Structures are given as C-alpha cells and as structure tokens.
Amino acid sequence: MNRGWKCALGAGGMAAVLLTAVSAAAAPAKLTIRTDVRLGYDINPFLAAGKDLASGYAEVVVSPQLSKKTAAGEVALSGYFDDTRFFQKYGNSAQYGGELRADRRISPKLRVFGALRYDSEVIGQGGSTDELAGGPDNTDVNLIGLRRRSNTFAANGGWEYRLTPKDTISADGGITDTRYARRGGVDSRNIGGRVGWKHAISPRTKVGLSGSVYYIDYDTPGLKTLIMEPDVTFSTELKHNWTFNAAIGISFSKLYLPLPLLDGNSKGLSGSIDLCHKGARDTFCLNAARSISGSGAGGTTVRTQVGVNYRRRLTEQLSWAGSANYTRSRSQSNLLGTREYVSARGGFDWLANRWLTLGVDGRYRDVFGGRQIRADYGGEASATIFFPKRP
C-alpha cells in the first residue's frame, strides 16, 4: 500500500466534505446544544482487575451541533465534551471529539458524501459510552480494563450514481488512524474502500453485490494485515414499518507477522444483518455482524457482535428504553487469545417539557477471557437540557 493512495483516500473524504460545506454556505444555519448532567455509582467503572473499585461520579456532557440544510443536501459540524468526576480513586476523566459531515446531491443521478472525525476516549469506561440506542458496541475488547486512552482520526468520502431507474453503483474509501496515549496500545492505520452495485427488484426490495479491500498497518515492525471481503447484499421494507438489511459474504485475510514463518492466510464468513422497526409508540433494532478488525493490543481479530435495543413510549411523557450487546474477539494468530464482552442497560425517561428530560437507569457489564475482572453494576439519575426547545 503506497503512501500516495493513503493521501488520496484521506483527501477524497476531505474534498467531499469541503465541497458540500461551500455549496451550503448560503443556507440558514441551525445551532442545537444538548447538555447531559448525570449523578451515578459504579461497582467497577473501568472494568479493571482488583478489589474495592467502586465509586460514585458526577458527569457533564455538552454536545453542540451546527448544521445547514438545502434541497440538495446537508453539512453539519458537531462535537462533544464529556467530563466525569469520580468521588473516589480515579480523579476525573475527560472524553471529547468532533465531526464535520457533508452530503450533497450534485445532480438528479449523482450524490457525494464525506466526513472528517476525531475522537479521544478512555477504553472501557462506563456511563455515557454505553448509550441505550447504540446497537453493537465497538469497544476494543482486548484493551478493556487497562484504562487506555485512544485518539482516533478518520477521513472518508464517496459517491453514489444512479445508472438506471433500478440500478445504482457506489464507491467509498477512507483512512482511520488510531493512536494511544503514553504507549498504552499498538498504534495502527486502517486504509481501504468499497465498491458496490444495487438493483431494485421491486419498489421495496433491492439486491446487490459489493467488494471491500482493507489494509491494517501497525507500528510494530512487520505486523500488518490485508483483508478482502466480497459479499451479496439484500434490503427490503416489510409491513408495519419494519426494514431488513443484510450483507453476507466471505472474508479473505493475509496476516503478516514479524517472523515471516508465522505468516498465514485465513478465510471465513463475514457480513451483517439489521432488522429494525419504527412505530408510533415503539422502536426496535437487532444488529449482528462478523468481520476482521484490528486491535490496539497488537494483532488482527475475528470480531463477532450482536446488539439489540428497544424503546417504548408508555405515555405522552414517559418512555422506557433498554439495550444489550455481546462481542467476541478471537485473535487470528492466537497471540491475543479469545475475549468476550457483554453489556446491558435499561431505564426510564420523563419529558418534563420541551427543553428538559429527566431519567434514571441501571446497567451491567462484564468481560470473559484473559485477566479475571469483576463485573460492573451501576446506575444513574440524569437531566438532559435541549437548546433550543424541541419542536
């Protein structure tokens, strides 16, 4: 993978974002600010090994967004700052990030999109990192419990073109660079892209083909992985506001290790399934995926994950929401072993008025495999303030 392609992929994402940003500059801007204030308690807030790990905490999260919409598309600049103060043992922990995202229809047939993103997060921290509507959790399972901070920079972009009333082709690519503070993990770059074709066999149903190529390059000399994933895609809109999306294929990976004699090829099932419902009073989504991914522990893993979330409006003001996630991470080279991560969360929220929501919830998290870690149980009370008021 040459350096010129890396730069081209990053520049492609940036170009798509800037193109839409300039085009939407004359449109009226909308500023929204969400502020969450939480007071809670965790038995093991970082899923660390040891005893007597519990602590109460106070947390404030500020999430502003500035967006501009036109008939042709949208450009949005968003960010978040999460400051958690623990009453015992841990001091304070800050997480923050931002994203510039753009989507624009250049012509009736051509649409372009792109995004630039930065995140700085503490891996395995509880609280707001386990949002109720999150679907599969993307936590690096092999680094849970070490209280490592990851800094991620990502740029991606692509396009979609309608060939005929029933056929669409698309392509996208990007680069994600992950760095760990104070050598807390193995830094890496994930570079790659995807091409796809979809055909509408009815107004509600589409089938297609797609192919992805990704290259994971670690800072450890000689450690890298090349991944190719061809798959078949299917999507349909079912009755009663249900949707189903699936991508099923095979992953081919070439693992390069510092000792060449240990290099190896592997293949296996890959893909994703999403089944979702959005009704007048409730929403539900089931997600499952299997893929090859990198780990900051220094190696490539086969990642299998399942997530489910459900939300039910009980009255005009009171709602209940719950979620559960399972992730299994298995090392391709057996250097990291196999680790599993489970989490569940549920709670109630009450819409006090158009600018204030009050809530209470509880959660459970645990890790299996590797070091013995005590499960985390916790809960919190929260207040969410919206500016301006909800419509």
Protein backbone atom coordinates (compact mmCIF):
# COMPACT_ATOMS: atom_id res chain seq x y z
CA MET A 1 0.00 0.00 0.00
CA ASN A 2 1.81 3.15 -1.17
CA ARG A 3 1.74 6.47 0.61
CA GLY A 4 0.10 8.22 -2.35
CA TRP A 5 -3.04 6.05 -2.06
CA LYS A 6 -3.26 6.81 1.66
CA CYS A 7 -3.18 10.53 0.94
CA ALA A 8 -5.67 10.20 -1.91
CA LEU A 9 -8.22 8.41 0.26
CA GLY A 10 -7.94 10.98 3.02
CA ALA A 11 -8.09 13.84 0.53
CA GLY A 12 -11.16 12.30 -1.11
CA GLY A 13 -13.11 12.40 2.15
CA MET A 14 -11.96 15.95 2.85
CA ALA A 15 -12.84 17.12 -0.67
CA ALA A 16 -16.39 15.76 -0.42
CA VAL A 17 -16.89 17.50 2.93
CA LEU A 18 -15.49 20.84 1.79
CA LEU A 19 -17.41 20.75 -1.49
CA THR A 20 -20.71 20.41 0.31
CA ALA A 21 -19.73 22.91 3.00
CA VAL A 22 -19.03 25.58 0.38
CA SER A 23 -22.22 24.79 -1.55
CA ALA A 24 -24.37 25.05 1.58
CA ALA A 25 -22.73 28.22 2.93
CA ALA A 26 -25.60 30.47 1.83
CA ALA A 27 -28.25 28.38 3.58
CA PRO A 28 -29.54 29.33 7.05
CA ALA A 29 -27.66 27.65 9.88
CA LYS A 30 -29.25 25.84 12.82
CA LEU A 31 -27.49 25.56 16.16
CA THR A 32 -28.52 22.93 18.71
CA ILE A 33 -26.88 22.21 22.07
CA ARG A 34 -27.64 19.18 24.20
CA THR A 35 -26.35 19.14 27.77
CA ASP A 36 -26.50 15.99 29.94
CA VAL A 37 -25.92 16.10 33.69
CA ARG A 38 -25.62 12.71 35.43
CA LEU A 39 -25.13 11.55 39.01
CA GLY A 40 -24.34 7.85 39.40
CA TYR A 41 -22.47 4.96 41.03
CA ASP A 42 -20.41 2.11 39.52
CA ILE A 43 -19.03 -1.06 41.11
CA ASN A 44 -16.17 -1.18 38.57
CA PRO A 45 -16.32 1.89 36.26
CA PHE A 46 -13.30 0.92 34.11
CA LEU A 47 -13.72 -2.89 34.26
CA ALA A 48 -10.30 -3.15 35.86
CA ALA A 49 -8.79 -6.08 37.77
CA GLY A 50 -8.63 -5.87 41.57
CA LYS A 51 -10.85 -5.27 44.57
CA ASP A 52 -12.60 -2.27 46.14
CA LEU A 53 -13.02 -0.46 42.80
CA ALA A 54 -16.42 1.20 43.32
CA SER A 55 -17.01 4.93 43.11
CA GLY A 56 -19.77 7.46 42.71
CA TYR A 57 -19.44 10.08 39.99
CA ALA A 58 -20.83 13.29 38.56
CA GLU A 59 -20.78 13.71 34.78
CA VAL A 60 -21.47 16.59 32.40
CA VAL A 61 -21.68 16.10 28.62
CA VAL A 62 -22.06 19.06 26.24
CA SER A 63 -22.91 18.18 22.60
CA PRO A 64 -23.29 21.15 20.20
CA GLN A 65 -24.16 20.84 16.51
CA LEU A 66 -24.23 23.47 13.76
CA SER A 67 -25.97 22.35 10.57
CA LYS A 68 -27.14 23.77 7.26
CA LYS A 69 -29.73 22.09 5.07
CA THR A 70 -30.67 22.79 1.49
CA ALA A 71 -32.82 20.99 -1.05
CA ALA A 72 -29.61 19.39 -2.36
CA GLY A 73 -28.10 18.16 0.90
CA GLU A 74 -26.72 18.95 4.32
CA VAL A 75 -23.47 19.91 6.03
CA ALA A 76 -23.09 19.55 9.79
CA LEU A 77 -20.37 20.32 12.32
CA SER A 78 -20.83 18.55 15.66
CA GLY A 79 -18.80 17.91 18.78
CA TYR A 80 -18.95 16.63 22.34
CA PHE A 81 -17.10 17.11 25.61
CA ASP A 82 -17.67 14.60 28.41
CA ASP A 83 -16.18 15.37 31.83
CA THR A 84 -16.61 12.76 34.60
CA ARG A 85 -15.56 13.46 38.20
CA PHE A 86 -15.21 10.37 40.36
CA PHE A 87 -15.69 10.81 44.09
CA GLN A 88 -13.11 8.11 44.95
CA LYS A 89 -9.89 6.65 43.50
CA TYR A 90 -9.99 7.80 39.87
CA GLY A 91 -10.00 11.59 39.84
CA ASN A 92 -11.51 12.97 36.67
CA SER A 93 -11.80 11.52 33.16
CA ALA A 94 -12.48 13.57 30.02
CA GLN A 95 -13.62 12.32 26.62
CA TYR A 96 -14.15 14.56 23.61
CA GLY A 97 -14.35 14.71 19.85
CA GLY A 98 -15.93 16.27 16.80
CA GLU A 99 -17.08 15.61 13.25
CA LEU A 100 -17.56 17.56 10.02
CA ARG A 101 -20.04 15.66 7.85
CA ALA A 102 -21.45 16.51 4.41
CA ASP A 103 -23.90 15.01 1.97
CA ARG A 104 -24.90 16.63 -1.34
CA ARG A 105 -26.78 15.69 -4.49
CA ILE A 106 -24.77 17.12 -7.38
CA SER A 107 -27.35 16.12 -9.99
CA PRO A 108 -30.52 14.00 -10.11
CA LYS A 109 -28.26 10.97 -10.61
CA LEU A 110 -25.10 11.77 -8.59
CA ARG A 111 -24.72 12.10 -4.81
CA VAL A 112 -21.43 12.70 -2.96
CA PHE A 113 -20.68 12.47 0.76
CA GLY A 114 -17.77 12.63 3.18
CA ALA A 115 -16.73 13.13 6.78
CA LEU A 116 -13.78 14.10 8.95
CA ARG A 117 -13.80 12.90 12.56
CA TYR A 118 -11.68 12.97 15.72
CA ASP A 119 -12.33 11.11 19.00
CA SER A 120 -10.38 10.90 22.25
CA GLU A 121 -11.87 8.27 24.58
CA VAL A 122 -10.93 6.09 27.55
CA ILE A 123 -11.48 2.46 26.50
CA GLY A 124 -13.89 0.55 28.71
CA GLN A 125 -15.23 3.50 30.72
CA GLY A 126 -18.88 3.06 31.69
CA GLY A 127 -21.55 5.72 31.77
CA SER A 128 -22.34 7.59 28.59
CA THR A 129 -20.15 5.32 26.41
CA ASP A 130 -22.96 2.72 26.63
CA GLU A 131 -25.84 4.67 25.10
CA LEU A 132 -29.21 2.94 25.13
CA ALA A 133 -29.70 3.14 21.37
CA GLY A 134 -26.16 2.25 20.43
CA GLY A 135 -26.55 -1.10 18.64
CA PRO A 136 -23.36 -3.22 18.62
CA ASP A 137 -20.67 -1.79 20.90
CA ASN A 138 -17.40 -1.03 19.08
CA THR A 139 -15.20 -1.14 22.21
CA ASP A 140 -11.75 -2.69 21.69
CA VAL A 141 -12.38 -5.77 23.84
CA ASN A 142 -8.69 -6.64 24.23
CA LEU A 143 -7.89 -3.29 25.91
CA ILE A 144 -10.79 -3.21 28.39
CA GLY A 145 -9.60 -2.89 31.97
CA LEU A 146 -6.31 -1.10 31.20
CA ARG A 147 -7.80 2.44 31.26
CA ARG A 148 -6.06 3.25 27.98
CA ARG A 149 -6.88 6.43 26.05
CA SER A 150 -7.30 6.15 22.29
CA ASN A 151 -7.10 9.07 19.88
CA THR A 152 -8.74 8.33 16.54
CA PHE A 153 -8.55 10.43 13.37
CA ALA A 154 -10.72 9.41 10.42
CA ALA A 155 -11.39 10.77 6.92
CA ASN A 156 -13.72 9.14 4.43
CA GLY A 157 -15.74 10.01 1.38
CA GLY A 158 -17.55 8.54 -1.58
CA TRP A 159 -20.23 8.81 -4.21
CA GLU A 160 -23.40 7.12 -5.42
CA TYR A 161 -24.61 7.22 -9.04
CA ARG A 162 -27.96 6.06 -10.43
CA LEU A 163 -27.31 4.27 -13.73
CA THR A 164 -30.95 3.46 -14.48
CA PRO A 165 -34.22 3.82 -12.55
CA LYS A 166 -33.43 0.40 -10.99
CA ASP A 167 -29.62 0.28 -10.84
CA THR A 168 -27.20 2.22 -8.61
CA ILE A 169 -23.41 2.00 -8.30
CA SER A 170 -21.35 3.42 -5.45
CA ALA A 171 -17.83 3.66 -4.09
CA ASP A 172 -16.29 4.96 -0.89
CA GLY A 173 -12.93 4.90 0.85
CA GLY A 174 -11.10 6.29 3.81
CA ILE A 175 -8.35 6.13 6.38
CA THR A 176 -8.58 5.71 10.16
CA ASP A 177 -5.51 6.41 12.27
CA THR A 178 -5.58 5.22 15.91
CA ARG A 179 -3.04 6.41 18.46
CA TYR A 180 -2.76 5.51 22.15
CA ALA A 181 -1.59 7.89 24.87
CA ARG A 182 1.66 7.07 26.68
CA ARG A 183 2.21 3.89 24.63
CA GLY A 184 -0.95 2.34 26.04
CA GLY A 185 -1.52 0.28 22.88
CA VAL A 186 -0.13 -0.51 19.44
CA ASP A 187 -0.85 2.35 17.03
CA SER A 188 -2.32 1.47 13.64
CA ARG A 189 -3.74 2.77 10.37
CA ASN A 190 -6.72 1.20 8.61
CA ILE A 191 -6.91 2.15 4.93
CA GLY A 192 -9.34 0.87 2.34
CA GLY A 193 -12.51 1.19 0.37
CA ARG A 194 -15.57 -0.45 -1.09
CA VAL A 195 -17.40 -0.60 -4.44
CA GLY A 196 -20.98 -1.76 -4.83
CA TRP A 197 -23.95 -2.24 -7.15
CA LYS A 198 -27.65 -2.42 -6.22
CA HIS A 199 -30.66 -3.42 -8.32
CA ALA A 200 -34.26 -2.72 -7.37
CA ILE A 201 -36.38 -5.81 -8.00
CA SER A 202 -39.45 -4.03 -6.60
CA PRO A 203 -40.28 -0.63 -5.09
CA ARG A 204 -39.47 -2.07 -1.63
CA THR A 205 -36.66 -4.58 -2.27
CA LYS A 206 -33.07 -4.30 -3.56
CA VAL A 207 -30.32 -6.85 -4.17
CA GLY A 208 -26.69 -6.23 -4.99
CA LEU A 209 -23.01 -7.07 -4.90
CA SER A 210 -20.15 -5.31 -3.17
CA GLY A 211 -16.46 -5.77 -2.52
CA SER A 212 -14.16 -4.29 0.11
CA VAL A 213 -10.38 -4.15 0.47
CA TYR A 214 -8.73 -3.01 3.72
CA TYR A 215 -5.14 -2.79 4.85
CA ILE A 216 -4.24 -2.58 8.55
CA ASP A 217 -0.69 -1.39 9.20
CA TYR A 218 0.62 -1.47 12.79
CA ASP A 219 3.55 0.46 14.23
CA THR A 220 5.06 -2.88 15.28
CA PRO A 221 7.61 -3.63 12.50
CA GLY A 222 6.46 -6.44 10.23
CA LEU A 223 2.89 -6.61 11.62
CA LYS A 224 0.14 -5.92 9.06
CA THR A 225 -2.99 -7.44 7.53
CA LEU A 226 -4.61 -7.33 4.08
CA ILE A 227 -8.37 -8.07 4.04
CA MET A 228 -10.73 -8.66 1.10
CA GLU A 229 -14.47 -9.14 1.60
CA PRO A 230 -16.82 -9.78 -1.37
CA ASP A 231 -20.48 -10.10 -0.41
CA VAL A 232 -24.09 -10.20 -1.58
CA THR A 233 -26.46 -7.54 -0.27
CA PHE A 234 -30.22 -7.55 0.28
CA SER A 235 -32.57 -4.91 1.66
CA THR A 236 -36.33 -4.70 1.91
CA GLU A 237 -39.11 -2.73 3.57
CA LEU A 238 -41.57 -5.02 5.32
CA LYS A 239 -45.09 -4.38 6.52
CA HIS A 240 -45.86 -2.40 9.67
CA ASN A 241 -42.75 -0.18 9.42
CA TRP A 242 -40.16 -2.99 9.53
CA THR A 243 -36.92 -2.92 7.50
CA PHE A 244 -34.38 -5.69 6.88
CA ASN A 245 -30.84 -5.27 5.56
CA ALA A 246 -28.23 -7.98 5.08
CA ALA A 247 -24.75 -8.37 3.60
CA ILE A 248 -23.39 -11.93 3.51
CA GLY A 249 -20.00 -12.89 2.12
CA ILE A 250 -16.55 -14.33 2.73
CA SER A 251 -13.52 -12.61 4.19
CA PHE A 252 -10.05 -13.45 2.88
CA SER A 253 -7.18 -12.19 5.00
CA LYS A 254 -3.41 -12.32 4.73
CA LEU A 255 -1.65 -11.87 8.07
CA TYR A 256 1.97 -10.72 8.08
CA LEU A 257 3.87 -11.21 11.36
CA PRO A 258 7.34 -10.02 12.47
CA LEU A 259 8.54 -13.62 11.99
CA PRO A 260 7.78 -14.46 8.32
CA LEU A 261 7.48 -18.19 9.04
CA LEU A 262 4.36 -17.42 11.08
CA ASP A 263 2.56 -15.59 8.23
CA GLY A 264 -0.75 -17.12 7.32
CA ASN A 265 -3.89 -16.96 5.18
CA SER A 266 -7.40 -17.41 6.51
CA LYS A 267 -10.95 -17.18 5.27
CA GLY A 268 -14.36 -17.25 6.89
CA LEU A 269 -17.91 -15.98 6.88
CA SER A 270 -18.40 -12.22 7.09
CA GLY A 271 -21.32 -9.83 6.85
CA SER A 272 -24.02 -8.04 8.79
CA ILE A 273 -27.76 -8.22 9.47
CA ASP A 274 -30.06 -5.43 10.64
CA LEU A 275 -33.75 -5.86 11.48
CA CYS A 276 -35.46 -2.68 12.63
CA HIS A 277 -38.94 -1.37 13.39
CA LYS A 278 -40.09 2.22 13.88
CA GLY A 279 -43.66 2.58 15.05
CA ALA A 280 -45.84 5.29 16.52
CA ARG A 281 -45.09 4.20 20.11
CA ASP A 282 -42.03 1.96 19.94
CA THR A 283 -38.75 1.38 18.10
CA PHE A 284 -36.70 -1.82 17.92
CA CYS A 285 -33.45 -2.80 16.23
CA LEU A 286 -31.45 -6.04 16.12
CA ASN A 287 -27.91 -5.92 14.69
CA ALA A 288 -25.41 -8.70 14.09
CA ALA A 289 -22.04 -8.61 12.33
CA ARG A 290 -18.89 -10.65 11.76
CA SER A 291 -15.71 -9.08 10.39
CA ILE A 292 -11.93 -8.86 10.58
CA SER A 293 -10.68 -5.90 12.62
CA GLY A 294 -7.54 -4.62 14.27
CA SER A 295 -6.85 -4.35 18.00
CA GLY A 296 -4.70 -1.93 19.94
CA ALA A 297 -3.32 -4.92 21.83
CA GLY A 298 -1.28 -5.66 18.68
CA GLY A 299 -2.94 -8.03 16.27
CA THR A 300 -5.87 -8.72 13.98
CA THR A 301 -9.02 -10.32 15.35
CA VAL A 302 -12.17 -12.01 14.09
CA ARG A 303 -14.92 -9.93 15.67
CA THR A 304 -18.45 -11.29 16.14
CA GLN A 305 -21.04 -8.99 17.68
CA VAL A 306 -24.76 -8.83 18.36
CA GLY A 307 -26.74 -5.88 19.67
CA VAL A 308 -30.39 -5.19 20.38
CA ASN A 309 -32.17 -2.06 21.57
CA TYR A 310 -35.81 -1.28 22.24
CA ARG A 311 -37.69 1.87 23.18
CA ARG A 312 -41.34 2.13 24.19
CA ARG A 313 -43.38 5.29 24.81
CA LEU A 314 -45.60 4.41 27.77
CA THR A 315 -47.42 7.76 27.92
CA GLU A 316 -47.07 11.11 26.16
CA GLN A 317 -44.27 11.99 28.60
CA LEU A 318 -42.88 8.70 29.98
CA SER A 319 -40.74 6.23 27.99
CA TRP A 320 -38.72 3.08 28.69
CA ALA A 321 -35.58 2.04 26.81
CA GLY A 322 -33.21 -0.91 27.02
CA SER A 323 -30.24 -2.34 25.16
CA ALA A 324 -27.94 -5.37 25.26
CA ASN A 325 -24.68 -6.14 23.45
CA TYR A 326 -22.37 -9.13 23.05
CA THR A 327 -18.92 -9.09 21.40
CA ARG A 328 -16.49 -11.95 20.86
CA SER A 329 -12.94 -11.17 19.74
CA ARG A 330 -10.72 -14.04 18.58
CA SER A 331 -7.10 -13.50 17.55
CA GLN A 332 -6.16 -14.65 14.05
CA SER A 333 -2.65 -15.54 15.19
CA ASN A 334 -3.56 -16.85 18.68
CA LEU A 335 -1.29 -14.17 20.14
CA LEU A 336 -4.18 -12.44 21.94
CA GLY A 337 -6.45 -15.39 22.68
CA THR A 338 -10.24 -15.03 22.77
CA ARG A 339 -12.14 -12.45 24.81
CA GLU A 340 -15.87 -11.76 25.23
CA TYR A 341 -17.67 -8.61 26.36
CA VAL A 342 -21.31 -8.27 27.39
CA SER A 343 -23.31 -5.21 28.41
CA ALA A 344 -26.95 -4.46 29.20
CA ARG A 345 -28.73 -1.29 30.18
CA GLY A 346 -32.30 -0.17 30.85
CA GLY A 347 -34.15 2.81 32.25
CA PHE A 348 -36.97 5.34 32.15
CA ASP A 349 -37.04 8.94 30.94
CA TRP A 350 -39.68 11.59 31.53
CA LEU A 351 -40.24 14.55 29.21
CA ALA A 352 -40.79 17.34 31.72
CA ASN A 353 -41.20 19.96 28.96
CA ARG A 354 -39.85 20.81 25.52
CA TRP A 355 -36.36 21.61 26.82
CA LEU A 356 -35.88 19.26 29.78
CA THR A 357 -35.89 15.44 30.10
CA LEU A 358 -35.28 13.59 33.39
CA GLY A 359 -34.14 9.97 33.53
CA VAL A 360 -32.99 7.05 35.66
CA ASP A 361 -31.34 3.80 34.52
CA GLY A 362 -29.18 0.84 35.56
CA ARG A 363 -26.51 -1.20 33.74
CA TYR A 364 -24.40 -4.35 33.81
CA ARG A 365 -21.10 -5.08 32.03
CA ASP A 366 -18.59 -7.93 32.17
CA VAL A 367 -15.57 -9.36 30.34
CA PHE A 368 -14.65 -13.04 29.97
CA GLY A 369 -11.25 -14.43 28.98
CA GLY A 370 -7.80 -13.19 29.88
CA ARG A 371 -7.36 -11.48 33.23
CA GLN A 372 -10.04 -12.11 35.86
CA ILE A 373 -12.19 -8.99 36.04
CA ARG A 374 -15.02 -8.17 38.42
CA ALA A 375 -18.34 -7.37 36.71
CA ASP A 376 -19.59 -3.80 36.72
CA TYR A 377 -23.04 -2.92 38.07
CA GLY A 378 -24.18 0.67 38.24
CA GLY A 379 -26.91 3.22 37.81
CA GLU A 380 -27.53 6.92 37.50
CA ALA A 381 -30.06 9.73 37.56
CA SER A 382 -29.85 12.27 34.76
CA ALA A 383 -31.18 15.55 33.39
CA THR A 384 -30.95 16.45 29.69
CA ILE A 385 -31.33 20.06 28.58
CA PHE A 386 -32.05 20.93 24.93
CA PHE A 387 -31.34 24.29 23.27
CA PRO A 388 -33.36 25.44 21.52
CA LYS A 389 -36.50 23.69 22.71
CA ARG A 390 -37.63 20.54 20.96
CA PRO A 391 -40.11 21.24 18.11
